[in-house]
Structures are given as C-alpha cells and as structure tokens.
C-alpha atoms as a PDB file:
ATOM      1  CA  MET A   1      24.814  26.728   9.652  1.00  0.00           C
ATOM      2  CA  PRO A   2      26.452  29.909   8.378  1.00  0.00           C
ATOM      3  CA  ALA A   3      23.901  32.405   7.107  1.00  0.00           C
ATOM      4  CA  ASP A   4      25.149  32.143   3.531  1.00  0.00           C
ATOM      5  CA  ALA A   5      27.980  30.769   1.462  1.00  0.00           C
ATOM      6  CA  THR A   6      30.072  33.926   1.850  1.00  0.00           C
ATOM      7  CA  THR A   7      30.418  33.504   5.610  1.00  0.00           C
ATOM      8  CA  ALA A   8      30.985  29.748   5.634  1.00  0.00           C
ATOM      9  CA  GLY A   9      34.742  30.099   5.911  1.00  0.00           C
ATOM     10  CA  ALA A  10      34.734  32.796   8.602  1.00  0.00           C
ATOM     11  CA  THR A  11      35.630  30.290  11.333  1.00  0.00           C
ATOM     12  CA  ALA A  12      38.337  27.641  11.091  1.00  0.00           C
ATOM     13  CA  TYR A  13      37.015  24.207  12.092  1.00  0.00           C
ATOM     14  CA  THR A  14      38.971  21.094  12.878  1.00  0.00           C
ATOM     15  CA  LEU A  15      37.484  17.817  11.680  1.00  0.00           C
ATOM     16  CA  THR A  16      36.404  16.994  15.242  1.00  0.00           C
ATOM     17  CA  GLN A  17      34.673  20.366  15.585  1.00  0.00           C
ATOM     18  CA  ALA A  18      33.010  19.947  12.202  1.00  0.00           C
ATOM     19  CA  TYR A  19      31.562  16.589  13.227  1.00  0.00           C
ATOM     20  CA  ALA A  20      30.353  18.083  16.515  1.00  0.00           C
ATOM     21  CA  TYR A  21      28.676  20.921  14.598  1.00  0.00           C
ATOM     22  CA  CYS A  22      26.755  18.456  12.425  1.00  0.00           C
ATOM     23  CA  GLU A  23      25.737  16.369  15.434  1.00  0.00           C
ATOM     24  CA  ARG A  24      24.324  19.456  17.179  1.00  0.00           C
ATOM     25  CA  MET A  25      22.333  20.307  14.066  1.00  0.00           C
ATOM     26  CA  ALA A  26      20.847  16.800  13.981  1.00  0.00           C
ATOM     27  CA  ARG A  27      19.888  16.999  17.662  1.00  0.00           C
ATOM     28  CA  ASN A  28      18.377  20.469  17.469  1.00  0.00           C
ATOM     29  CA  HIS A  29      15.871  19.843  14.664  1.00  0.00           C
ATOM     30  CA  TYR A  30      12.635  18.094  15.568  1.00  0.00           C
ATOM     31  CA  GLU A  31      11.633  15.219  13.307  1.00  0.00           C
ATOM     32  CA  ASN A  32       8.828  12.683  13.563  1.00  0.00           C
ATOM     33  CA  PHE A  33      11.320   9.957  12.749  1.00  0.00           C
ATOM     34  CA  PRO A  34      14.653   9.197  14.410  1.00  0.00           C
ATOM     35  CA  VAL A  35      17.771  10.994  13.216  1.00  0.00           C
ATOM     36  CA  ALA A  36      21.010   9.214  14.144  1.00  0.00           C
ATOM     37  CA  SER A  37      19.126   7.727  17.082  1.00  0.00           C
ATOM     38  CA  ARG A  38      20.634   5.628  19.828  1.00  0.00           C
ATOM     39  CA  LEU A  39      19.216   2.528  18.196  1.00  0.00           C
ATOM     40  CA  LEU A  40      21.740   2.838  15.398  1.00  0.00           C
ATOM     41  CA  PRO A  41      25.204   1.304  15.674  1.00  0.00           C
ATOM     42  CA  ALA A  42      27.573   3.879  17.160  1.00  0.00           C
ATOM     43  CA  ARG A  43      29.783   3.790  14.061  1.00  0.00           C
ATOM     44  CA  LEU A  44      26.873   5.103  11.951  1.00  0.00           C
ATOM     45  CA  ARG A  45      25.603   7.921  14.150  1.00  0.00           C
ATOM     46  CA  ARG A  46      28.204  10.518  13.254  1.00  0.00           C
ATOM     47  CA  PRO A  47      28.174   9.983   9.471  1.00  0.00           C
ATOM     48  CA  ILE A  48      24.365   9.958   9.473  1.00  0.00           C
ATOM     49  CA  ALA A  49      24.355  13.234  11.409  1.00  0.00           C
ATOM     50  CA  VAL A  50      26.650  14.715   8.756  1.00  0.00           C
ATOM     51  CA  VAL A  51      24.397  13.587   5.896  1.00  0.00           C
ATOM     52  CA  TYR A  52      21.449  15.058   7.793  1.00  0.00           C
ATOM     53  CA  ALA A  53      23.283  18.363   8.339  1.00  0.00           C
ATOM     54  CA  PHE A  54      23.983  18.658   4.606  1.00  0.00           C
ATOM     55  CA  ALA A  55      20.359  17.958   3.692  1.00  0.00           C
ATOM     56  CA  ARG A  56      18.915  20.160   6.455  1.00  0.00           C
ATOM     57  CA  SER A  57      21.059  23.178   5.693  1.00  0.00           C
ATOM     58  CA  ALA A  58      20.449  22.940   1.931  1.00  0.00           C
ATOM     59  CA  ASP A  59      16.714  22.567   2.534  1.00  0.00           C
ATOM     60  CA  ASP A  60      16.812  25.708   4.673  1.00  0.00           C
ATOM     61  CA  PHE A  61      18.345  27.586   1.739  1.00  0.00           C
ATOM     62  CA  ALA A  62      15.276  26.615  -0.289  1.00  0.00           C
ATOM     63  CA  ASP A  63      12.683  27.397   2.381  1.00  0.00           C
ATOM     64  CA  GLU A  64      13.852  29.605   5.239  1.00  0.00           C
ATOM     65  CA  GLY A  65      14.319  33.339   5.530  1.00  0.00           C
ATOM     66  CA  GLU A  66      13.402  36.203   3.213  1.00  0.00           C
ATOM     67  CA  ARG A  67      15.753  35.451   0.321  1.00  0.00           C
ATOM     68  CA  THR A  68      14.698  35.947  -3.287  1.00  0.00           C
ATOM     69  CA  VAL A  69      14.404  33.061  -5.725  1.00  0.00           C
ATOM     70  CA  THR A  70      17.678  34.133  -7.316  1.00  0.00           C
ATOM     71  CA  GLN A  71      19.467  34.180  -3.966  1.00  0.00           C
ATOM     72  CA  ARG A  72      18.135  30.752  -2.990  1.00  0.00           C
ATOM     73  CA  LEU A  73      19.205  29.180  -6.264  1.00  0.00           C
ATOM     74  CA  ALA A  74      22.618  30.804  -6.013  1.00  0.00           C
ATOM     75  CA  LEU A  75      23.150  29.327  -2.534  1.00  0.00           C
ATOM     76  CA  LEU A  76      22.118  25.878  -3.725  1.00  0.00           C
ATOM     77  CA  ASP A  77      24.365  26.163  -6.762  1.00  0.00           C
ATOM     78  CA  GLY A  78      27.170  27.143  -4.408  1.00  0.00           C
ATOM     79  CA  TYR A  79      26.500  24.011  -2.379  1.00  0.00           C
ATOM     80  CA  GLY A  80      26.720  21.939  -5.550  1.00  0.00           C
ATOM     81  CA  ALA A  81      30.019  23.540  -6.517  1.00  0.00           C
ATOM     82  CA  GLU A  82      31.459  23.019  -3.051  1.00  0.00           C
ATOM     83  CA  LEU A  83      30.293  19.408  -3.085  1.00  0.00           C
ATOM     84  CA  ASP A  84      32.197  18.814  -6.309  1.00  0.00           C
ATOM     85  CA  ALA A  85      35.230  20.639  -4.951  1.00  0.00           C
ATOM     86  CA  VAL A  86      35.551  18.590  -1.769  1.00  0.00           C
ATOM     87  CA  ALA A  87      34.968  15.401  -3.753  1.00  0.00           C
ATOM     88  CA  ARG A  88      38.047  16.355  -5.793  1.00  0.00           C
ATOM     89  CA  GLY A  89      40.031  16.853  -2.601  1.00  0.00           C
ATOM     90  CA  GLY A  90      39.608  20.611  -2.251  1.00  0.00           C
ATOM     91  CA  ALA A  91      39.560  22.314   1.140  1.00  0.00           C
ATOM     92  CA  SER A  92      36.470  23.929   2.691  1.00  0.00           C
ATOM     93  CA  GLY A  93      35.896  26.285   5.587  1.00  0.00           C
ATOM     94  CA  ASP A  94      32.284  25.152   6.057  1.00  0.00           C
ATOM     95  CA  PRO A  95      31.917  22.655   8.931  1.00  0.00           C
ATOM     96  CA  VAL A  96      29.263  20.679   7.051  1.00  0.00           C
ATOM     97  CA  PHE A  97      31.567  20.162   4.085  1.00  0.00           C
ATOM     98  CA  ILE A  98      34.643  19.496   6.214  1.00  0.00           C
ATOM     99  CA  ALA A  99      32.800  16.598   7.848  1.00  0.00           C
ATOM    100  CA  LEU A 100      31.033  15.553   4.649  1.00  0.00           C
ATOM    101  CA  ALA A 101      34.291  15.277   2.706  1.00  0.00           C
ATOM    102  CA  ASP A 102      35.593  12.876   5.356  1.00  0.00           C
ATOM    103  CA  VAL A 103      32.387  10.803   5.334  1.00  0.00           C
ATOM    104  CA  ILE A 104      32.286  10.552   1.531  1.00  0.00           C
ATOM    105  CA  ALA A 105      35.920   9.473   1.383  1.00  0.00           C
ATOM    106  CA  ARG A 106      35.732   6.968   4.245  1.00  0.00           C
ATOM    107  CA  HIS A 107      32.536   5.294   3.059  1.00  0.00           C
ATOM    108  CA  GLU A 108      32.839   5.781  -0.724  1.00  0.00           C
ATOM    109  CA  LEU A 109      29.395   7.375  -0.931  1.00  0.00           C
ATOM    110  CA  PRO A 110      27.970   8.104  -4.414  1.00  0.00           C
ATOM    111  CA  LEU A 111      28.222  11.831  -5.045  1.00  0.00           C
ATOM    112  CA  GLN A 112      25.160  11.768  -7.309  1.00  0.00           C
ATOM    113  CA  LEU A 113      22.882  11.120  -4.338  1.00  0.00           C
ATOM    114  CA  PHE A 114      23.872  14.464  -2.812  1.00  0.00           C
ATOM    115  CA  HIS A 115      23.337  16.197  -6.142  1.00  0.00           C
ATOM    116  CA  ASP A 116      19.896  14.576  -6.348  1.00  0.00           C
ATOM    117  CA  LEU A 117      19.002  16.193  -3.029  1.00  0.00           C
ATOM    118  CA  LEU A 118      20.136  19.585  -4.278  1.00  0.00           C
ATOM    119  CA  SER A 119      18.085  19.088  -7.444  1.00  0.00           C
ATOM    120  CA  ALA A 120      14.945  18.553  -5.354  1.00  0.00           C
ATOM    121  CA  PHE A 121      15.645  21.631  -3.233  1.00  0.00           C
ATOM    122  CA  ARG A 122      16.069  23.728  -6.387  1.00  0.00           C
ATOM    123  CA  GLN A 123      12.727  22.395  -7.568  1.00  0.00           C
ATOM    124  CA  ASP A 124      11.114  23.515  -4.331  1.00  0.00           C
ATOM    125  CA  VAL A 125      12.233  27.048  -5.124  1.00  0.00           C
ATOM    126  CA  THR A 126      10.782  27.079  -8.634  1.00  0.00           C
ATOM    127  CA  GLN A 127       7.809  24.668  -8.696  1.00  0.00           C
ATOM    128  CA  GLN A 128       4.616  24.758  -6.642  1.00  0.00           C
ATOM    129  CA  ARG A 129       2.374  22.204  -8.391  1.00  0.00           C
ATOM    130  CA  TYR A 130       2.709  18.629  -9.688  1.00  0.00           C
ATOM    131  CA  ALA A 131       0.744  17.530 -12.724  1.00  0.00           C
ATOM    132  CA  ASP A 132       0.389  13.867 -11.820  1.00  0.00           C
ATOM    133  CA  SER A 133       1.634  11.170  -9.473  1.00  0.00           C
ATOM    134  CA  SER A 134       4.649  10.312 -11.622  1.00  0.00           C
ATOM    135  CA  GLU A 135       5.873  13.899 -11.391  1.00  0.00           C
ATOM    136  CA  LEU A 136       5.372  13.969  -7.616  1.00  0.00           C
ATOM    137  CA  LEU A 137       7.070  10.596  -7.139  1.00  0.00           C
ATOM    138  CA  ASP A 138      10.023  11.778  -9.235  1.00  0.00           C
ATOM    139  CA  TYR A 139      10.396  14.666  -6.821  1.00  0.00           C
ATOM    140  CA  CYS A 140      10.384  12.189  -3.918  1.00  0.00           C
ATOM    141  CA  ARG A 141      12.998  10.117  -5.760  1.00  0.00           C
ATOM    142  CA  ARG A 142      15.357  13.056  -5.402  1.00  0.00           C
ATOM    143  CA  SER A 143      14.154  14.684  -2.165  1.00  0.00           C
ATOM    144  CA  ALA A 144      13.864  11.617   0.080  1.00  0.00           C
ATOM    145  CA  ASN A 145      15.162   8.430  -1.505  1.00  0.00           C
ATOM    146  CA  PRO A 146      18.828   9.520  -1.570  1.00  0.00           C
ATOM    147  CA  VAL A 147      18.884   9.630   2.226  1.00  0.00           C
ATOM    148  CA  GLY A 148      17.796   6.002   2.529  1.00  0.00           C
ATOM    149  CA  ARG A 149      20.250   4.955  -0.158  1.00  0.00           C
ATOM    150  CA  LEU A 150      23.074   6.737   1.650  1.00  0.00           C
ATOM    151  CA  LEU A 151      22.171   4.908   4.864  1.00  0.00           C
ATOM    152  CA  LEU A 152      22.391   1.586   3.055  1.00  0.00           C
ATOM    153  CA  HIS A 153      25.770   2.503   1.594  1.00  0.00           C
ATOM    154  CA  LEU A 154      26.993   3.491   5.058  1.00  0.00           C
ATOM    155  CA  ASN A 155      25.814   0.137   6.376  1.00  0.00           C
ATOM    156  CA  GLY A 156      27.346  -1.876   3.512  1.00  0.00           C
ATOM    157  CA  ALA A 157      23.892  -3.132   2.512  1.00  0.00           C
ATOM    158  CA  ALA A 158      23.237  -1.344  -0.788  1.00  0.00           C
ATOM    159  CA  SER A 159      22.041  -4.320  -2.817  1.00  0.00           C
ATOM    160  CA  ALA A 160      19.594  -3.671  -5.655  1.00  0.00           C
ATOM    161  CA  GLU A 161      16.674  -5.171  -3.727  1.00  0.00           C
ATOM    162  CA  ASN A 162      17.498  -3.277  -0.539  1.00  0.00           C
ATOM    163  CA  LEU A 163      17.746  -0.018  -2.459  1.00  0.00           C
ATOM    164  CA  GLN A 164      14.284  -0.533  -3.978  1.00  0.00           C
ATOM    165  CA  LEU A 165      12.753  -1.358  -0.593  1.00  0.00           C
ATOM    166  CA  SER A 166      14.408   1.707   0.899  1.00  0.00           C
ATOM    167  CA  ASP A 167      13.046   3.886  -1.906  1.00  0.00           C
ATOM    168  CA  ASN A 168       9.518   2.726  -1.061  1.00  0.00           C
ATOM    169  CA  ILE A 169       9.957   3.621   2.605  1.00  0.00           C
ATOM    170  CA  CYS A 170      11.564   6.998   1.944  1.00  0.00           C
ATOM    171  CA  THR A 171       8.974   8.018  -0.636  1.00  0.00           C
ATOM    172  CA  ALA A 172       6.230   7.055   1.816  1.00  0.00           C
ATOM    173  CA  LEU A 173       7.864   9.114   4.566  1.00  0.00           C
ATOM    174  CA  GLN A 174       8.114  12.125   2.275  1.00  0.00           C
ATOM    175  CA  LEU A 175       4.459  11.839   1.275  1.00  0.00           C
ATOM    176  CA  ILE A 176       3.396  11.455   4.918  1.00  0.00           C
ATOM    177  CA  ASN A 177       5.265  14.639   5.712  1.00  0.00           C
ATOM    178  CA  PHE A 178       3.298  16.370   2.960  1.00  0.00           C
ATOM    179  CA  HIS A 179       0.021  15.004   4.356  1.00  0.00           C
ATOM    180  CA  GLN A 180       0.852  16.472   7.769  1.00  0.00           C
ATOM    181  CA  ASP A 181       1.683  19.909   6.417  1.00  0.00           C
ATOM    182  CA  LEU A 182      -0.999  20.533   3.793  1.00  0.00           C
ATOM    183  CA  VAL A 183      -2.078  24.004   4.816  1.00  0.00           C
ATOM    184  CA  GLN A 184       1.339  25.000   6.172  1.00  0.00           C
ATOM    185  CA  ASP A 185       2.947  24.297   2.787  1.00  0.00           C
ATOM    186  CA  TYR A 186       0.198  26.201   1.018  1.00  0.00           C
ATOM    187  CA  ASP A 187       0.201  29.180   3.393  1.00  0.00           C
ATOM    188  CA  GLU A 188       3.978  29.546   3.646  1.00  0.00           C
ATOM    189  CA  THR A 189       5.142  28.721   0.122  1.00  0.00           C
ATOM    190  CA  GLY A 190       2.049  28.237  -2.049  1.00  0.00           C
ATOM    191  CA  ARG A 191       3.042  24.619  -2.673  1.00  0.00           C
ATOM    192  CA  ILE A 192       0.587  21.757  -3.012  1.00  0.00           C
ATOM    193  CA  TYR A 193       2.164  18.304  -2.991  1.00  0.00           C
ATOM    194  CA  ILE A 194      -0.885  16.489  -4.362  1.00  0.00           C
ATOM    195  CA  PRO A 195      -1.134  15.595  -8.075  1.00  0.00           C
ATOM    196  CA  LEU A 196      -3.270  18.098  -9.948  1.00  0.00           C
ATOM    197  CA  ASP A 197      -5.012  15.417 -12.012  1.00  0.00           C
ATOM    198  CA  GLU A 198      -6.171  13.706  -8.818  1.00  0.00           C
ATOM    199  CA  MET A 199      -7.334  17.007  -7.342  1.00  0.00           C
ATOM    200  CA  GLN A 200      -9.382  17.620 -10.500  1.00  0.00           C
ATOM    201  CA  GLN A 201     -10.773  14.080 -10.350  1.00  0.00           C
ATOM    202  CA  TYR A 202     -12.235  14.793  -6.905  1.00  0.00           C
ATOM    203  CA  GLY A 203     -13.170  18.407  -7.578  1.00  0.00           C
ATOM    204  CA  VAL A 204     -10.654  19.856  -5.130  1.00  0.00           C
ATOM    205  CA  GLY A 205      -8.911  23.183  -5.773  1.00  0.00           C
ATOM    206  CA  PRO A 206      -6.401  25.414  -3.987  1.00  0.00           C
ATOM    207  CA  ASP A 207      -9.308  27.190  -2.279  1.00  0.00           C
ATOM    208  CA  HIS A 208      -9.856  24.075  -0.171  1.00  0.00           C
ATOM    209  CA  PHE A 209      -6.490  24.707   1.461  1.00  0.00           C
ATOM    210  CA  ARG A 210      -6.825  28.471   1.518  1.00  0.00           C
ATOM    211  CA  ASP A 211     -10.273  28.371   3.163  1.00  0.00           C
ATOM    212  CA  ARG A 212      -9.727  25.167   5.196  1.00  0.00           C
ATOM    213  CA  ARG A 213     -12.744  23.723   3.412  1.00  0.00           C
ATOM    214  CA  ASN A 214     -13.691  20.295   4.767  1.00  0.00           C
ATOM    215  CA  ASP A 215     -16.047  18.488   2.401  1.00  0.00           C
ATOM    216  CA  GLU A 216     -16.454  14.987   0.981  1.00  0.00           C
ATOM    217  CA  ALA A 217     -14.396  15.878  -2.086  1.00  0.00           C
ATOM    218  CA  LEU A 218     -11.394  16.775   0.051  1.00  0.00           C
ATOM    219  CA  ARG A 219     -11.820  13.756   2.308  1.00  0.00           C
ATOM    220  CA  GLY A 220     -11.974  11.396  -0.664  1.00  0.00           C
ATOM    221  CA  LEU A 221      -8.826  12.914  -2.135  1.00  0.00           C
ATOM    222  CA  LEU A 222      -6.930  12.666   1.140  1.00  0.00           C
ATOM    223  CA  ARG A 223      -7.939   9.043   1.680  1.00  0.00           C
ATOM    224  CA  GLN A 224      -6.544   8.265  -1.763  1.00  0.00           C
ATOM    225  CA  GLN A 225      -3.246   9.940  -0.826  1.00  0.00           C
ATOM    226  CA  TYR A 226      -3.069   8.018   2.443  1.00  0.00           C
ATOM    227  CA  ARG A 227      -3.645   4.716   0.627  1.00  0.00           C
ATOM    228  CA  ARG A 228      -0.753   5.400  -1.727  1.00  0.00           C
ATOM    229  CA  SER A 229       1.547   6.212   1.177  1.00  0.00           C
ATOM    230  CA  ARG A 230       0.484   3.152   3.154  1.00  0.00           C
ATOM    231  CA  ASP A 231       0.958   0.858   0.154  1.00  0.00           C
ATOM    232  CA  LEU A 232       4.470   2.225  -0.386  1.00  0.00           C
ATOM    233  CA  MET A 233       5.371   1.882   3.283  1.00  0.00           C
ATOM    234  CA  LEU A 234       4.152  -1.705   3.436  1.00  0.00           C
ATOM    235  CA  ALA A 235       5.977  -2.491   0.189  1.00  0.00           C
ATOM    236  CA  GLY A 236       9.224  -1.306   1.760  1.00  0.00           C
ATOM    237  CA  ALA A 237       8.650  -2.808   5.213  1.00  0.00           C
ATOM    238  CA  PRO A 238      10.497  -6.107   4.509  1.00  0.00           C
ATOM    239  CA  LEU A 239      13.749  -4.125   4.523  1.00  0.00           C
ATOM    240  CA  GLY A 240      13.592  -4.041   8.311  1.00  0.00           C
ATOM    241  CA  ARG A 241      13.775  -7.839   8.435  1.00  0.00           C
ATOM    242  CA  ARG A 242      16.438  -8.135   5.726  1.00  0.00           C
ATOM    243  CA  LEU A 243      18.828  -5.940   7.715  1.00  0.00           C
ATOM    244  CA  HIS A 244      20.174  -7.440  10.885  1.00  0.00           C
ATOM    245  CA  GLY A 245      20.909  -5.942  14.277  1.00  0.00           C
ATOM    246  CA  ARG A 246      20.236  -2.414  15.396  1.00  0.00           C
ATOM    247  CA  PHE A 247      20.043  -0.965  11.896  1.00  0.00           C
ATOM    248  CA  GLY A 248      17.222  -3.336  11.010  1.00  0.00           C
ATOM    249  CA  TRP A 249      15.457  -2.446  14.249  1.00  0.00           C
ATOM    250  CA  GLU A 250      15.772   1.243  13.411  1.00  0.00           C
ATOM    251  CA  ILE A 251      14.177   0.644  10.004  1.00  0.00           C
ATOM    252  CA  ARG A 252      11.308  -1.295  11.579  1.00  0.00           C
ATOM    253  CA  LEU A 253      10.771   1.525  14.058  1.00  0.00           C
ATOM    254  CA  ILE A 254      10.677   4.118  11.275  1.00  0.00           C
ATOM    255  CA  VAL A 255       8.144   2.031   9.337  1.00  0.00           C
ATOM    256  CA  ALA A 256       5.994   1.633  12.454  1.00  0.00           C
ATOM    257  CA  GLY A 257       6.185   5.387  13.074  1.00  0.00           C
ATOM    258  CA  GLY A 258       5.090   6.206   9.543  1.00  0.00           C
ATOM    259  CA  LEU A 259       2.168   3.815   9.707  1.00  0.00           C
ATOM    260  CA  ARG A 260       1.186   5.234  13.102  1.00  0.00           C
ATOM    261  CA  VAL A 261       1.013   8.757  11.670  1.00  0.00           C
ATOM    262  CA  LEU A 262      -1.110   7.482   8.785  1.00  0.00           C
ATOM    263  CA  GLU A 263      -3.482   5.917  11.330  1.00  0.00           C
ATOM    264  CA  ARG A 264      -3.813   9.306  13.018  1.00  0.00           C
ATOM    265  CA  LEU A 265      -4.429  11.063   9.713  1.00  0.00           C
ATOM    266  CA  ASP A 266      -7.104   8.519   8.790  1.00  0.00           C
ATOM    267  CA  ALA A 267      -8.791   8.937  12.165  1.00  0.00           C
ATOM    268  CA  LEU A 268      -8.893  12.727  11.760  1.00  0.00           C
ATOM    269  CA  VAL A 269      -9.847  12.993   8.102  1.00  0.00           C
ATOM    270  CA  ASP A 270     -13.588  13.425   8.750  1.00  0.00           C
ATOM    271  CA  THR A 271     -13.334  16.001  11.533  1.00  0.00           C
ATOM    272  CA  ALA A 272      -9.908  17.667  11.207  1.00  0.00           C
ATOM    273  CA  PRO A 273      -8.336  16.947   7.796  1.00  0.00           C
ATOM    274  CA  PHE A 274      -5.881  19.818   8.203  1.00  0.00           C
ATOM    275  CA  ALA A 275      -4.548  18.690  11.565  1.00  0.00           C
ATOM    276  CA  ARG A 276      -0.836  17.979  12.009  1.00  0.00           C
ATOM    277  CA  PRO A 277      -0.587  14.730  13.976  1.00  0.00           C
ATOM    278  CA  ARG A 278       2.843  14.131  15.489  1.00  0.00           C
ATOM    279  CA  LEU A 279       4.242  11.195  17.344  1.00  0.00           C
ATOM    280  CA  ARG A 280       4.067  11.604  21.120  1.00  0.00           C
ATOM    281  CA  ARG A 281       5.741   9.942  24.062  1.00  0.00           C
ATOM    282  CA  ARG A 282       2.756   7.628  24.538  1.00  0.00           C
ATOM    283  CA  ASP A 283       3.225   6.301  20.987  1.00  0.00           C
ATOM    284  CA  TRP A 284       6.682   4.879  21.572  1.00  0.00           C
ATOM    285  CA  PRO A 285       5.702   1.729  23.502  1.00  0.00           C
ATOM    286  CA  VAL A 286       3.353   0.815  20.632  1.00  0.00           C
ATOM    287  CA  LEU A 287       6.013   1.560  18.033  1.00  0.00           C
ATOM    288  CA  LEU A 288       8.615  -0.472  19.899  1.00  0.00           C
ATOM    289  CA  TRP A 289       6.227  -3.385  20.145  1.00  0.00           C
ATOM    290  CA  HIS A 290       5.562  -3.284  16.404  1.00  0.00           C
ATOM    291  CA  SER A 291       9.264  -2.934  15.616  1.00  0.00           C
ATOM    292  CA  VAL A 292      10.007  -6.106  17.583  1.00  0.00           C
ATOM    293  CA  PHE A 293       6.952  -8.277  16.893  1.00  0.00           C
ATOM    294  CA  GLY A 294       5.000  -6.640  14.070  1.00  0.00           C
END
C-alpha cells in the first residue's frame, strides 16, 4: 500500500495489476481465519481479496507507523473521499481503489458498508474505552460486520436472515480477536476492548493489563467475555448450513476456527490469561472435521 494518500498515484496500474496487488496484500498478512482461501469459489477470491485490501490498508492508517492523530484522520478522510469519487465513476491512481471500483460496479456492493469500516477505523484513532457492551457491539457493527455483509452480497445471498446470522459471526470474530490481544492492544495503543461497566463489576482496572495481574477478578471477567463471544458465534453458526457449496463450507470452517480459539482461551484463563493462542497446523484436521460433520 502506498505510504500515504499523496503517493498513491505515483505508479500507473492497469486493472489486472491492481487486482494482483490486492491479492498479494491478502496473502502477505497473517490471519487466524481464512482470507480468500482456496475453499471459496474461484469467482469470489479476487473480489474478496480486494475488499480485504481496502480494509487492511485503512486499518493500517489507524494503527501503524508514527503518524499523529490528525494525520491518521486525514488519511482516513482521504480514503472516504476517494471511495465516493470512484463510486461516481472518477479515476484513481491507487491500486486498491482501481480494483475496488471494478468490484463495486460489477457486484453492486452497498457503498455504506465501506464507509462503516472507515467510521470504525476513525473511532480507533480517537477512542480507547467503551462504556458498556452496547457501545462495544456498535463498534463491532462497523468494524467487522460489514465484511461479512459484503461477502453475502458477493455471493448473492444477502437475505435479511443471512445478514443477521453473518453479523453474529463477524461480531464474535472481532471480539475473539480482542480477547487474543488484550495486553498488546493496551501496550501499543492504550485501548481496552472490554466494557468499562463490566470491568467495574468484577473489580478489574487498566492496571491488570499494565501489570499482567492474574487474579480471580480478571479470570471472572474474561470468562464472561468468552461466553458472550461463544453465544454470538453459535447464534450465527446456522449460516454455514443455509449457504450451499464451498461458500457454506468456508463459513463452517470459520465458525469452527473461532470456537477452537475460544476453547484455547478458556483452557489458558487460569494459568496464562494474557496468552495469544493462534490456530496451528495440527488444528486444521479438527476444524475440517467440524466443518463437515459438526
């Protein structure tokens, strides 16, 4: 991704090159859950890689590097303006937007979903605490749920019920990511993605994360967070059976992966609550079994 919006047009990209750029970005970023994986129908892999490249690069504006708050917000605002411009048929020199304009036009994707993502990234720049669960879940509505909704639109399966099931899965995945990165988020950005009212209920403060304090208060709070995430994931799991073929299998695999990480977190909460469990090669046979039979 170009370092900032001023250099985005320095290189002229053809549409083919722009798609290849986005696909490389999707391959080069590690994720616990598949990104445009080989399980997906071939016709969906490239557009999904483009959506991922947009979200990944915008998220990097919010989090990466040594930019000031003002600079980060300016870059995100620039992304919003360029998004509107390409939606109106304007030209772009940025490979992400060259490919994204083609994907939006071909698949008639709702522009608001991309703006929702940008809204969440702006919030990451300016907000470090969440008063209650409704405030945190509203953040997830904009930071994670749009990706699932875009996948359904790409697959021609964006019914009201499917969208709600997808929202449950995506919110759960976002929360699981927070659970894995508790101290990293606090150390690197000062953010705590746990509702403040629930922290107060258990007697947990920021010093627990700063000092890596492992006590019963923290463990009780984390178990409550894991239960919420598991309930959401299970509430969304029927989507994998409603969708047929490889796309449905991909959804089932993602659900199984999320639940597997929650199992690891639960197993570690007494002894290593700040660990960062990741899926490993040995997990995949279990996940595949669950995605087929579970």
